[in-house]
Amino acid sequence: MIPSSVSALRAIKQLKKHSIVMLDAEDHGFEADNALLNVHVSKCFSCEGLSIWIKDALIWPASNAGVQPHDDMPSDVKEDFVEAASIVDHSPRGAAALARLAIQKLMIDLGEKGKNINDDIKALVRKGLDTEIQQALDIVRVIGNNAVHPGQVDLKDDRATATTLLSLVNLVVERRIASQKRIEEMFNNLPPSVRDAISKRDGKD
């Protein structure tokens, strides 16, 4: 969606605090009063969308850090994932906290309690969790010096930590949800007689 002049103005107004005056945006195709110091509005020659900068930092529209949620990500997990990705550049600590919360919710979607990631990993290993995903989840557990609970902020978190956590969420979704879904769909597309023969072979009838 191309940001409109109205929404750009709304974003600018959110920057006003106390005696800070507003941007004189006459040259940008919309009207406002006064000026915000060190705030600039630019217009894309290609899409004609507007963006807002403070000095050299883009503050609107929000960046998504280049990490998109997996198509098969559960909706409750995706909500936190998308929010985390949108604030990575402006609040990496907040993004990392949301990424951990997304992982906690993902554990519940995988059939675990979602209260203690170490216990969840242990339970998943007993159910046949492959080594790669076990290691990925342990990376998540260890990042933050084991002291940060899902949804909490670690002062040591940075952008690299947040993007790593988001990438690991996608990896777990791919291996534990998406790939199993594709295999199940392919199996269900086999002729009924073939599936029956497989069930008899495995003693499932």
N, C-alpha and C. Protein backbone atom coordinates (compact mmCIF):
# COMPACT_ATOMS: atom_id res chain seq x y z
N MET A 1 0.84 -1.19 0.00
CA MET A 1 0.00 0.00 0.00
C MET A 1 0.88 1.24 0.00
N ILE A 2 0.58 2.21 -0.88
CA ILE A 2 1.34 3.44 -0.96
C ILE A 2 0.91 4.37 0.16
N PRO A 3 1.82 4.87 0.98
CA PRO A 3 1.45 5.77 2.06
C PRO A 3 0.82 7.04 1.51
N SER A 4 -0.29 7.48 2.04
CA SER A 4 -0.97 8.68 1.57
C SER A 4 -0.47 9.90 2.31
N SER A 5 -0.80 11.09 1.76
CA SER A 5 -0.44 12.33 2.43
C SER A 5 -1.09 12.42 3.79
N VAL A 6 -2.33 11.94 3.89
CA VAL A 6 -3.05 12.00 5.16
C VAL A 6 -2.37 11.15 6.21
N SER A 7 -1.98 9.91 5.83
CA SER A 7 -1.33 9.03 6.80
C SER A 7 0.06 9.53 7.14
N ALA A 8 0.73 10.18 6.18
CA ALA A 8 2.04 10.76 6.47
C ALA A 8 1.90 11.88 7.49
N LEU A 9 0.88 12.71 7.30
CA LEU A 9 0.63 13.78 8.26
C LEU A 9 0.33 13.23 9.64
N ARG A 10 -0.44 12.14 9.67
CA ARG A 10 -0.78 11.52 10.95
C ARG A 10 0.49 11.03 11.65
N ALA A 11 1.40 10.45 10.87
CA ALA A 11 2.65 9.97 11.45
C ALA A 11 3.49 11.14 11.97
N ILE A 12 3.48 12.26 11.24
CA ILE A 12 4.23 13.43 11.68
C ILE A 12 3.66 13.97 12.98
N LYS A 13 2.33 14.03 13.06
CA LYS A 13 1.69 14.56 14.26
C LYS A 13 2.04 13.74 15.50
N GLN A 14 2.27 12.44 15.29
CA GLN A 14 2.61 11.59 16.42
C GLN A 14 3.99 11.93 16.98
N LEU A 15 4.79 12.67 16.19
CA LEU A 15 6.12 13.04 16.65
C LEU A 15 6.10 14.27 17.54
N LYS A 16 5.01 15.05 17.49
CA LYS A 16 4.96 16.32 18.22
C LYS A 16 4.91 16.08 19.73
N LYS A 17 5.81 16.69 20.43
CA LYS A 17 5.82 16.58 21.89
C LYS A 17 6.01 17.97 22.49
N HIS A 18 5.11 18.34 23.36
CA HIS A 18 5.21 19.59 24.09
C HIS A 18 5.42 20.76 23.13
N SER A 19 6.61 21.39 23.19
CA SER A 19 6.82 22.62 22.43
C SER A 19 7.38 22.38 21.04
N ILE A 20 7.55 21.12 20.63
CA ILE A 20 8.06 20.85 19.29
C ILE A 20 7.01 21.25 18.27
N VAL A 21 7.41 22.06 17.30
CA VAL A 21 6.45 22.54 16.31
C VAL A 21 6.41 21.61 15.12
N MET A 22 5.40 21.81 14.24
CA MET A 22 5.17 20.86 13.16
C MET A 22 5.84 21.26 11.86
N LEU A 23 5.94 20.30 10.99
CA LEU A 23 6.63 20.43 9.72
C LEU A 23 5.90 21.34 8.74
N ASP A 24 6.63 22.20 8.09
CA ASP A 24 6.10 22.96 6.98
C ASP A 24 6.26 22.10 5.73
N ALA A 25 5.20 21.43 5.32
CA ALA A 25 5.30 20.42 4.26
C ALA A 25 4.74 20.91 2.94
N GLU A 26 4.70 22.22 2.74
CA GLU A 26 4.07 22.79 1.54
C GLU A 26 4.70 22.26 0.26
N ASP A 27 6.02 22.07 0.29
CA ASP A 27 6.72 21.61 -0.91
C ASP A 27 6.51 20.14 -1.19
N HIS A 28 5.87 19.42 -0.28
CA HIS A 28 5.68 17.98 -0.46
C HIS A 28 4.26 17.62 -0.88
N GLY A 29 3.46 18.61 -1.22
CA GLY A 29 2.14 18.32 -1.78
C GLY A 29 1.02 18.23 -0.78
N PHE A 30 1.27 18.52 0.51
CA PHE A 30 0.20 18.55 1.48
C PHE A 30 0.49 19.67 2.48
N GLU A 31 -0.47 20.02 3.28
CA GLU A 31 -0.37 21.19 4.14
C GLU A 31 -0.13 20.81 5.60
N ALA A 32 0.72 21.58 6.26
CA ALA A 32 0.94 21.43 7.70
C ALA A 32 1.44 22.77 8.22
N ASP A 33 1.55 22.92 9.50
CA ASP A 33 1.96 24.18 10.10
C ASP A 33 3.37 24.08 10.67
N ASN A 34 4.13 25.16 10.52
CA ASN A 34 5.44 25.28 11.15
C ASN A 34 6.43 24.21 10.69
N ALA A 35 7.36 23.80 11.57
CA ALA A 35 8.40 22.86 11.14
C ALA A 35 8.89 22.01 12.30
N LEU A 36 9.20 20.75 12.01
CA LEU A 36 9.85 19.86 12.98
C LEU A 36 11.34 19.85 12.67
N LEU A 37 12.14 20.11 13.66
CA LEU A 37 13.58 20.18 13.46
C LEU A 37 14.15 18.81 13.10
N ASN A 38 14.98 18.76 12.04
CA ASN A 38 15.66 17.54 11.60
C ASN A 38 14.71 16.46 11.07
N VAL A 39 13.48 16.83 10.76
CA VAL A 39 12.53 15.88 10.18
C VAL A 39 12.35 16.21 8.70
N HIS A 40 12.43 15.18 7.86
CA HIS A 40 12.33 15.39 6.42
C HIS A 40 11.30 14.44 5.84
N VAL A 41 10.58 14.92 4.83
CA VAL A 41 9.63 14.09 4.10
C VAL A 41 10.13 13.94 2.68
N SER A 42 10.19 12.72 2.19
CA SER A 42 10.61 12.48 0.81
C SER A 42 9.50 11.76 0.05
N LYS A 43 9.50 11.95 -1.26
CA LYS A 43 8.49 11.33 -2.12
C LYS A 43 9.18 10.50 -3.18
N CYS A 44 8.76 9.23 -3.30
CA CYS A 44 9.36 8.32 -4.26
C CYS A 44 8.93 8.69 -5.68
N PHE A 45 9.88 8.81 -6.61
CA PHE A 45 9.55 9.14 -7.99
C PHE A 45 8.84 7.98 -8.68
N SER A 46 9.04 6.76 -8.18
CA SER A 46 8.45 5.58 -8.81
C SER A 46 7.01 5.35 -8.36
N CYS A 47 6.81 5.15 -7.05
CA CYS A 47 5.47 4.82 -6.54
C CYS A 47 4.73 6.04 -6.00
N GLU A 48 5.45 7.17 -5.88
CA GLU A 48 4.89 8.42 -5.36
C GLU A 48 4.48 8.31 -3.89
N GLY A 49 4.97 7.29 -3.20
CA GLY A 49 4.71 7.16 -1.77
C GLY A 49 5.59 8.10 -0.97
N LEU A 50 5.14 8.45 0.22
CA LEU A 50 5.87 9.36 1.09
C LEU A 50 6.62 8.58 2.17
N SER A 51 7.74 9.13 2.60
CA SER A 51 8.48 8.55 3.72
C SER A 51 8.95 9.68 4.63
N ILE A 52 9.10 9.37 5.90
CA ILE A 52 9.50 10.36 6.90
C ILE A 52 10.83 9.95 7.51
N TRP A 53 11.73 10.92 7.61
CA TRP A 53 13.08 10.66 8.12
C TRP A 53 13.38 11.60 9.29
N ILE A 54 14.10 11.11 10.29
CA ILE A 54 14.70 11.96 11.31
C ILE A 54 16.20 11.87 11.10
N LYS A 55 16.78 12.98 10.68
CA LYS A 55 18.17 13.00 10.22
C LYS A 55 18.30 11.97 9.10
N ASP A 56 19.13 10.93 9.30
CA ASP A 56 19.33 9.93 8.25
C ASP A 56 18.57 8.64 8.52
N ALA A 57 17.71 8.63 9.53
CA ALA A 57 16.99 7.40 9.90
C ALA A 57 15.56 7.42 9.38
N LEU A 58 15.20 6.38 8.62
CA LEU A 58 13.82 6.23 8.14
C LEU A 58 12.95 5.77 9.30
N ILE A 59 11.90 6.56 9.60
CA ILE A 59 11.02 6.17 10.71
C ILE A 59 9.63 5.78 10.25
N TRP A 60 9.28 6.11 9.00
CA TRP A 60 7.96 5.75 8.48
C TRP A 60 8.00 5.73 6.96
N PRO A 61 7.48 4.73 6.26
CA PRO A 61 6.85 3.51 6.80
C PRO A 61 7.86 2.64 7.54
N ALA A 62 7.33 1.80 8.42
CA ALA A 62 8.20 0.92 9.20
C ALA A 62 8.85 -0.13 8.31
N SER A 63 10.10 -0.45 8.61
CA SER A 63 10.80 -1.51 7.89
C SER A 63 10.42 -2.87 8.46
N ASN A 64 10.48 -3.91 7.61
CA ASN A 64 10.19 -5.25 8.12
C ASN A 64 11.45 -6.10 8.22
N ALA A 65 12.60 -5.44 8.15
CA ALA A 65 13.90 -6.10 8.35
C ALA A 65 14.19 -7.16 7.29
N GLY A 66 13.38 -7.21 6.24
CA GLY A 66 13.60 -8.18 5.18
C GLY A 66 13.23 -9.59 5.55
N VAL A 67 12.63 -9.80 6.71
CA VAL A 67 12.24 -11.14 7.15
C VAL A 67 10.72 -11.25 7.08
N GLN A 68 10.24 -12.11 6.20
CA GLN A 68 8.80 -12.30 6.03
C GLN A 68 8.36 -13.59 6.74
N PRO A 69 7.16 -13.59 7.30
CA PRO A 69 6.69 -14.81 7.98
C PRO A 69 6.43 -15.93 6.99
N HIS A 70 6.68 -17.15 7.41
CA HIS A 70 6.41 -18.32 6.57
C HIS A 70 4.92 -18.39 6.26
N ASP A 71 4.59 -18.81 5.05
CA ASP A 71 3.18 -18.88 4.63
C ASP A 71 2.35 -19.79 5.54
N ASP A 72 2.98 -20.81 6.10
CA ASP A 72 2.25 -21.77 6.94
C ASP A 72 2.36 -21.46 8.43
N MET A 73 2.84 -20.28 8.76
CA MET A 73 2.96 -19.90 10.17
C MET A 73 1.57 -19.72 10.78
N PRO A 74 1.30 -20.31 11.95
CA PRO A 74 0.01 -20.12 12.61
C PRO A 74 -0.28 -18.64 12.83
N SER A 75 -1.54 -18.25 12.73
CA SER A 75 -1.91 -16.84 12.77
C SER A 75 -1.51 -16.16 14.08
N ASP A 76 -1.62 -16.88 15.21
CA ASP A 76 -1.27 -16.25 16.48
C ASP A 76 0.22 -15.98 16.58
N VAL A 77 1.02 -16.85 15.97
CA VAL A 77 2.47 -16.66 15.93
C VAL A 77 2.82 -15.55 14.94
N LYS A 78 2.15 -15.55 13.80
CA LYS A 78 2.43 -14.57 12.75
C LYS A 78 2.20 -13.14 13.23
N GLU A 79 1.20 -12.94 14.06
CA GLU A 79 0.89 -11.59 14.55
C GLU A 79 2.09 -10.99 15.29
N ASP A 80 2.69 -11.78 16.18
CA ASP A 80 3.87 -11.30 16.91
C ASP A 80 5.08 -11.20 16.00
N PHE A 81 5.20 -12.14 15.06
CA PHE A 81 6.32 -12.15 14.12
C PHE A 81 6.33 -10.87 13.30
N VAL A 82 5.19 -10.53 12.70
CA VAL A 82 5.09 -9.34 11.85
C VAL A 82 5.39 -8.07 12.64
N GLU A 83 4.87 -8.00 13.85
CA GLU A 83 5.13 -6.82 14.68
C GLU A 83 6.61 -6.72 15.02
N ALA A 84 7.23 -7.85 15.33
CA ALA A 84 8.66 -7.86 15.64
C ALA A 84 9.48 -7.39 14.45
N ALA A 85 9.16 -7.92 13.26
CA ALA A 85 9.90 -7.54 12.06
C ALA A 85 9.76 -6.06 11.74
N SER A 86 8.61 -5.48 12.09
CA SER A 86 8.35 -4.07 11.76
C SER A 86 9.12 -3.10 12.65
N ILE A 87 9.62 -3.57 13.80
CA ILE A 87 10.31 -2.66 14.72
C ILE A 87 11.77 -3.02 14.93
N VAL A 88 12.29 -3.94 14.13
CA VAL A 88 13.67 -4.38 14.31
C VAL A 88 14.65 -3.21 14.27
N ASP A 89 14.48 -2.31 13.30
CA ASP A 89 15.43 -1.22 13.14
C ASP A 89 15.30 -0.16 14.23
N HIS A 90 14.09 0.04 14.74
CA HIS A 90 13.86 1.10 15.71
C HIS A 90 13.93 0.61 17.16
N SER A 91 13.62 -0.66 17.38
CA SER A 91 13.65 -1.22 18.73
C SER A 91 14.03 -2.69 18.67
N PRO A 92 15.31 -2.99 18.42
CA PRO A 92 15.73 -4.39 18.32
C PRO A 92 15.46 -5.20 19.58
N ARG A 93 15.53 -4.55 20.74
CA ARG A 93 15.24 -5.27 21.98
C ARG A 93 13.77 -5.68 22.03
N GLY A 94 12.90 -4.76 21.66
CA GLY A 94 11.48 -5.08 21.62
C GLY A 94 11.18 -6.15 20.59
N ALA A 95 11.87 -6.08 19.44
CA ALA A 95 11.67 -7.08 18.39
C ALA A 95 12.10 -8.46 18.86
N ALA A 96 13.23 -8.54 19.55
CA ALA A 96 13.71 -9.83 20.06
C ALA A 96 12.74 -10.40 21.09
N ALA A 97 12.19 -9.52 21.94
CA ALA A 97 11.23 -9.98 22.94
C ALA A 97 9.99 -10.55 22.28
N LEU A 98 9.51 -9.89 21.23
CA LEU A 98 8.34 -10.38 20.50
C LEU A 98 8.65 -11.68 19.77
N ALA A 99 9.88 -11.80 19.25
CA ALA A 99 10.28 -13.03 18.57
C ALA A 99 10.27 -14.20 19.55
N ARG A 100 10.74 -13.97 20.77
CA ARG A 100 10.71 -15.03 21.78
C ARG A 100 9.26 -15.40 22.13
N LEU A 101 8.40 -14.40 22.18
CA LEU A 101 6.99 -14.66 22.46
C LEU A 101 6.38 -15.49 21.33
N ALA A 102 6.77 -15.19 20.09
CA ALA A 102 6.28 -15.96 18.94
C ALA A 102 6.72 -17.41 19.05
N ILE A 103 7.95 -17.63 19.49
CA ILE A 103 8.46 -19.00 19.65
C ILE A 103 7.70 -19.72 20.75
N GLN A 104 7.39 -19.01 21.83
CA GLN A 104 6.61 -19.61 22.91
C GLN A 104 5.25 -20.07 22.40
N LYS A 105 4.60 -19.22 21.61
CA LYS A 105 3.29 -19.59 21.06
C LYS A 105 3.42 -20.74 20.06
N LEU A 106 4.54 -20.76 19.32
CA LEU A 106 4.76 -21.83 18.36
C LEU A 106 4.89 -23.17 19.07
N MET A 107 5.51 -23.18 20.23
CA MET A 107 5.62 -24.42 21.00
C MET A 107 4.24 -24.97 21.35
N ILE A 108 3.30 -24.08 21.66
CA ILE A 108 1.93 -24.51 21.96
C ILE A 108 1.29 -25.10 20.71
N ASP A 109 1.52 -24.46 19.56
CA ASP A 109 0.97 -24.98 18.30
C ASP A 109 1.56 -26.34 17.94
N LEU A 110 2.75 -26.62 18.46
CA LEU A 110 3.39 -27.91 18.21
C LEU A 110 3.00 -28.95 19.25
N GLY A 111 2.07 -28.58 20.12
CA GLY A 111 1.54 -29.54 21.09
C GLY A 111 2.18 -29.51 22.45
N GLU A 112 3.04 -28.52 22.71
CA GLU A 112 3.70 -28.44 24.01
C GLU A 112 3.05 -27.36 24.88
N LYS A 113 3.56 -27.19 26.10
CA LYS A 113 2.93 -26.29 27.06
C LYS A 113 3.26 -24.82 26.81
N GLY A 114 4.44 -24.55 26.23
CA GLY A 114 4.81 -23.17 25.95
C GLY A 114 5.20 -22.36 27.16
N LYS A 115 5.49 -23.01 28.27
CA LYS A 115 5.86 -22.30 29.50
C LYS A 115 7.38 -22.29 29.72
N ASN A 116 8.03 -23.37 29.34
CA ASN A 116 9.47 -23.49 29.52
C ASN A 116 10.04 -24.12 28.26
N ILE A 117 10.80 -23.34 27.50
CA ILE A 117 11.26 -23.82 26.19
C ILE A 117 12.18 -25.03 26.34
N ASN A 118 12.93 -25.12 27.43
CA ASN A 118 13.81 -26.27 27.63
C ASN A 118 12.99 -27.55 27.79
N ASP A 119 11.91 -27.46 28.57
CA ASP A 119 11.02 -28.62 28.73
C ASP A 119 10.33 -28.96 27.42
N ASP A 120 9.96 -27.93 26.66
CA ASP A 120 9.29 -28.16 25.37
C ASP A 120 10.23 -28.86 24.39
N ILE A 121 11.49 -28.43 24.36
CA ILE A 121 12.47 -29.07 23.47
C ILE A 121 12.65 -30.53 23.86
N LYS A 122 12.77 -30.78 25.16
CA LYS A 122 12.94 -32.15 25.65
C LYS A 122 11.77 -33.04 25.23
N ALA A 123 10.54 -32.50 25.35
CA ALA A 123 9.36 -33.27 24.96
C ALA A 123 9.32 -33.52 23.46
N LEU A 124 9.72 -32.53 22.67
CA LEU A 124 9.72 -32.68 21.22
C LEU A 124 10.78 -33.68 20.77
N VAL A 125 11.93 -33.70 21.44
CA VAL A 125 12.98 -34.67 21.11
C VAL A 125 12.46 -36.08 21.34
N ARG A 126 11.72 -36.29 22.41
CA ARG A 126 11.14 -37.60 22.69
C ARG A 126 10.14 -38.02 21.61
N LYS A 127 9.55 -37.02 20.96
CA LYS A 127 8.58 -37.30 19.89
C LYS A 127 9.25 -37.42 18.52
N GLY A 128 10.58 -37.37 18.51
CA GLY A 128 11.29 -37.56 17.25
C GLY A 128 11.77 -36.29 16.59
N LEU A 129 11.88 -35.20 17.34
CA LEU A 129 12.37 -33.94 16.78
C LEU A 129 13.76 -34.14 16.19
N ASP A 130 13.94 -33.70 14.94
CA ASP A 130 15.24 -33.91 14.31
C ASP A 130 16.29 -32.98 14.92
N THR A 131 17.54 -33.37 14.78
CA THR A 131 18.65 -32.68 15.44
C THR A 131 18.76 -31.23 15.04
N GLU A 132 18.54 -30.93 13.75
CA GLU A 132 18.69 -29.55 13.27
C GLU A 132 17.73 -28.60 13.98
N ILE A 133 16.47 -29.02 14.11
CA ILE A 133 15.49 -28.16 14.77
C ILE A 133 15.74 -28.09 16.26
N GLN A 134 16.18 -29.20 16.85
CA GLN A 134 16.53 -29.19 18.28
C GLN A 134 17.64 -28.17 18.54
N GLN A 135 18.64 -28.15 17.65
CA GLN A 135 19.74 -27.20 17.81
C GLN A 135 19.25 -25.76 17.60
N ALA A 136 18.35 -25.57 16.63
CA ALA A 136 17.80 -24.23 16.39
C ALA A 136 17.07 -23.71 17.61
N LEU A 137 16.26 -24.57 18.22
CA LEU A 137 15.51 -24.16 19.41
C LEU A 137 16.43 -23.92 20.60
N ASP A 138 17.50 -24.71 20.70
CA ASP A 138 18.45 -24.47 21.78
C ASP A 138 19.20 -23.16 21.59
N ILE A 139 19.42 -22.78 20.32
CA ILE A 139 20.02 -21.47 20.06
C ILE A 139 19.12 -20.37 20.61
N VAL A 140 17.83 -20.50 20.33
CA VAL A 140 16.86 -19.53 20.85
C VAL A 140 16.90 -19.49 22.37
N ARG A 141 16.98 -20.67 22.96
CA ARG A 141 16.97 -20.77 24.43
C ARG A 141 18.21 -20.10 25.02
N VAL A 142 19.35 -20.31 24.39
CA VAL A 142 20.61 -19.81 24.94
C VAL A 142 20.79 -18.32 24.68
N ILE A 143 20.33 -17.84 23.50
CA ILE A 143 20.45 -16.41 23.20
C ILE A 143 19.74 -15.62 24.30
N GLY A 144 20.45 -14.68 24.88
CA GLY A 144 19.90 -13.93 26.00
C GLY A 144 20.40 -14.47 27.32
N ASN A 145 21.42 -15.34 27.25
CA ASN A 145 22.08 -15.84 28.46
C ASN A 145 21.12 -16.63 29.36
N ASN A 146 20.12 -17.27 28.72
CA ASN A 146 19.16 -18.12 29.44
C ASN A 146 18.30 -17.36 30.45
N ALA A 147 18.46 -16.04 30.53
CA ALA A 147 17.80 -15.30 31.61
C ALA A 147 16.50 -14.64 31.18
N VAL A 148 16.27 -14.59 29.88
CA VAL A 148 15.12 -13.84 29.39
C VAL A 148 13.97 -14.78 29.08
N HIS A 149 12.83 -14.50 29.66
CA HIS A 149 11.64 -15.28 29.39
C HIS A 149 10.94 -14.72 28.15
N PRO A 150 10.13 -15.54 27.48
CA PRO A 150 9.43 -15.06 26.28
C PRO A 150 8.67 -13.77 26.55
N GLY A 151 8.85 -12.80 25.64
CA GLY A 151 8.14 -11.54 25.75
C GLY A 151 8.85 -10.50 26.60
N GLN A 152 9.94 -10.88 27.27
CA GLN A 152 10.68 -9.93 28.08
C GLN A 152 11.86 -9.36 27.31
N VAL A 153 12.33 -8.19 27.74
CA VAL A 153 13.40 -7.48 27.04
C VAL A 153 14.75 -7.79 27.68
N ASP A 154 15.73 -8.07 26.83
CA ASP A 154 17.11 -8.25 27.28
C ASP A 154 17.91 -7.05 26.78
N LEU A 155 18.57 -6.34 27.67
CA LEU A 155 19.30 -5.13 27.28
C LEU A 155 20.46 -5.44 26.35
N LYS A 156 20.87 -6.70 26.24
CA LYS A 156 21.98 -7.07 25.36
C LYS A 156 21.51 -7.38 23.94
N ASP A 157 20.21 -7.47 23.74
CA ASP A 157 19.70 -7.80 22.41
C ASP A 157 20.02 -6.69 21.41
N ASP A 158 20.35 -7.08 20.19
CA ASP A 158 20.58 -6.11 19.12
C ASP A 158 19.85 -6.58 17.87
N ARG A 159 20.04 -5.87 16.77
CA ARG A 159 19.33 -6.18 15.53
C ARG A 159 19.66 -7.59 15.04
N ALA A 160 20.93 -7.98 15.13
CA ALA A 160 21.33 -9.31 14.67
C ALA A 160 20.63 -10.40 15.47
N THR A 161 20.51 -10.18 16.78
CA THR A 161 19.81 -11.15 17.63
C THR A 161 18.36 -11.30 17.21
N ALA A 162 17.70 -10.15 17.00
CA ALA A 162 16.28 -10.17 16.64
C ALA A 162 16.05 -10.87 15.30
N THR A 163 16.86 -10.55 14.29
CA THR A 163 16.67 -11.16 12.98
C THR A 163 17.01 -12.65 13.01
N THR A 164 17.99 -13.04 13.83
CA THR A 164 18.31 -14.46 13.98
C THR A 164 17.13 -15.21 14.57
N LEU A 165 16.53 -14.65 15.61
CA LEU A 165 15.37 -15.28 16.25
C LEU A 165 14.21 -15.42 15.26
N LEU A 166 13.97 -14.38 14.47
CA LEU A 166 12.88 -14.44 13.49
C LEU A 166 13.16 -15.51 12.43
N SER A 167 14.40 -15.59 11.98
CA SER A 167 14.76 -16.62 10.99
C SER A 167 14.57 -18.02 11.56
N LEU A 168 14.87 -18.19 12.83
CA LEU A 168 14.70 -19.50 13.47
C LEU A 168 13.22 -19.86 13.60
N VAL A 169 12.37 -18.87 13.84
CA VAL A 169 10.93 -19.14 13.87
C VAL A 169 10.48 -19.70 12.53
N ASN A 170 10.92 -19.06 11.44
CA ASN A 170 10.58 -19.54 10.10
C ASN A 170 11.10 -20.95 9.86
N LEU A 171 12.31 -21.22 10.33
CA LEU A 171 12.91 -22.54 10.13
C LEU A 171 12.10 -23.62 10.82
N VAL A 172 11.69 -23.35 12.06
CA VAL A 172 10.91 -24.34 12.80
C VAL A 172 9.56 -24.56 12.12
N VAL A 173 8.93 -23.49 11.65
CA VAL A 173 7.65 -23.62 10.95
C VAL A 173 7.81 -24.47 9.69
N GLU A 174 8.88 -24.23 8.96
CA GLU A 174 9.12 -24.99 7.72
C GLU A 174 9.29 -26.48 8.02
N ARG A 175 10.10 -26.81 9.02
CA ARG A 175 10.43 -28.21 9.26
C ARG A 175 9.36 -28.96 10.03
N ARG A 176 8.67 -28.28 10.95
CA ARG A 176 7.70 -28.98 11.81
C ARG A 176 6.25 -28.84 11.35
N ILE A 177 5.97 -27.87 10.49
CA ILE A 177 4.59 -27.66 10.05
C ILE A 177 4.47 -27.78 8.54
N ALA A 178 5.22 -26.94 7.81
CA ALA A 178 5.04 -26.87 6.36
C ALA A 178 5.45 -28.15 5.64
N SER A 179 6.64 -28.68 5.96
CA SER A 179 7.11 -29.87 5.25
C SER A 179 6.21 -31.07 5.55
N GLN A 180 5.77 -31.19 6.80
CA GLN A 180 4.86 -32.29 7.15
C GLN A 180 3.52 -32.14 6.43
N LYS A 181 3.07 -30.89 6.29
CA LYS A 181 1.82 -30.63 5.58
C LYS A 181 1.93 -31.04 4.12
N ARG A 182 3.06 -30.72 3.47
CA ARG A 182 3.25 -31.08 2.06
C ARG A 182 3.30 -32.59 1.88
N ILE A 183 4.02 -33.27 2.77
CA ILE A 183 4.12 -34.73 2.67
C ILE A 183 2.75 -35.38 2.85
N GLU A 184 1.99 -34.87 3.81
CA GLU A 184 0.65 -35.40 4.06
C GLU A 184 -0.26 -35.21 2.84
N GLU A 185 -0.15 -34.03 2.21
CA GLU A 185 -0.95 -33.77 1.02
C GLU A 185 -0.57 -34.71 -0.12
N MET A 186 0.73 -34.94 -0.30
CA MET A 186 1.18 -35.84 -1.36
C MET A 186 0.72 -37.27 -1.09
N PHE A 187 0.80 -37.68 0.18
CA PHE A 187 0.36 -39.03 0.53
C PHE A 187 -1.14 -39.20 0.29
N ASN A 188 -1.92 -38.19 0.66
CA ASN A 188 -3.37 -38.26 0.48
C ASN A 188 -3.78 -38.25 -0.99
N ASN A 189 -2.88 -37.82 -1.86
CA ASN A 189 -3.17 -37.83 -3.30
C ASN A 189 -2.87 -39.17 -3.95
N LEU A 190 -2.28 -40.10 -3.18
CA LEU A 190 -2.06 -41.44 -3.71
C LEU A 190 -3.41 -42.14 -3.89
N PRO A 191 -3.49 -43.07 -4.83
CA PRO A 191 -4.75 -43.83 -5.01
C PRO A 191 -5.14 -44.53 -3.71
N PRO A 192 -6.43 -44.59 -3.41
CA PRO A 192 -6.90 -45.25 -2.18
C PRO A 192 -6.37 -46.66 -2.02
N SER A 193 -6.28 -47.40 -3.13
CA SER A 193 -5.80 -48.78 -3.04
C SER A 193 -4.35 -48.84 -2.56
N VAL A 194 -3.56 -47.86 -2.99
CA VAL A 194 -2.15 -47.81 -2.57
C VAL A 194 -2.06 -47.48 -1.09
N ARG A 195 -2.87 -46.52 -0.64
CA ARG A 195 -2.86 -46.14 0.78
C ARG A 195 -3.34 -47.29 1.66
N ASP A 196 -4.33 -48.03 1.16
CA ASP A 196 -4.82 -49.19 1.91
C ASP A 196 -3.74 -50.25 2.04
N ALA A 197 -3.00 -50.47 0.95
CA ALA A 197 -1.92 -51.46 0.97
C ALA A 197 -0.84 -51.07 1.96
N ILE A 198 -0.54 -49.76 2.02
CA ILE A 198 0.47 -49.27 2.97
C ILE A 198 -0.01 -49.47 4.41
N SER A 199 -1.30 -49.20 4.64
CA SER A 199 -1.86 -49.38 5.99
C SER A 199 -1.79 -50.84 6.42
N LYS A 200 -2.10 -51.76 5.48
CA LYS A 200 -2.04 -53.18 5.80
C LYS A 200 -0.60 -53.61 6.08
N ARG A 201 0.32 -53.07 5.29
CA ARG A 201 1.73 -53.39 5.51
C ARG A 201 2.18 -52.99 6.90
N ASP A 202 1.70 -51.82 7.34
CA ASP A 202 2.12 -51.29 8.64
C ASP A 202 1.21 -51.74 9.78
N GLY A 203 0.24 -52.61 9.47
CA GLY A 203 -0.64 -53.13 10.50
C GLY A 203 -1.56 -52.09 11.09
N LYS A 204 -2.03 -51.14 10.27
CA LYS A 204 -2.88 -50.06 10.77
C LYS A 204 -4.36 -50.28 10.48
N ASP A 205 -4.72 -51.41 9.86
CA ASP A 205 -6.13 -51.61 9.56
C ASP A 205 -6.80 -52.47 10.62
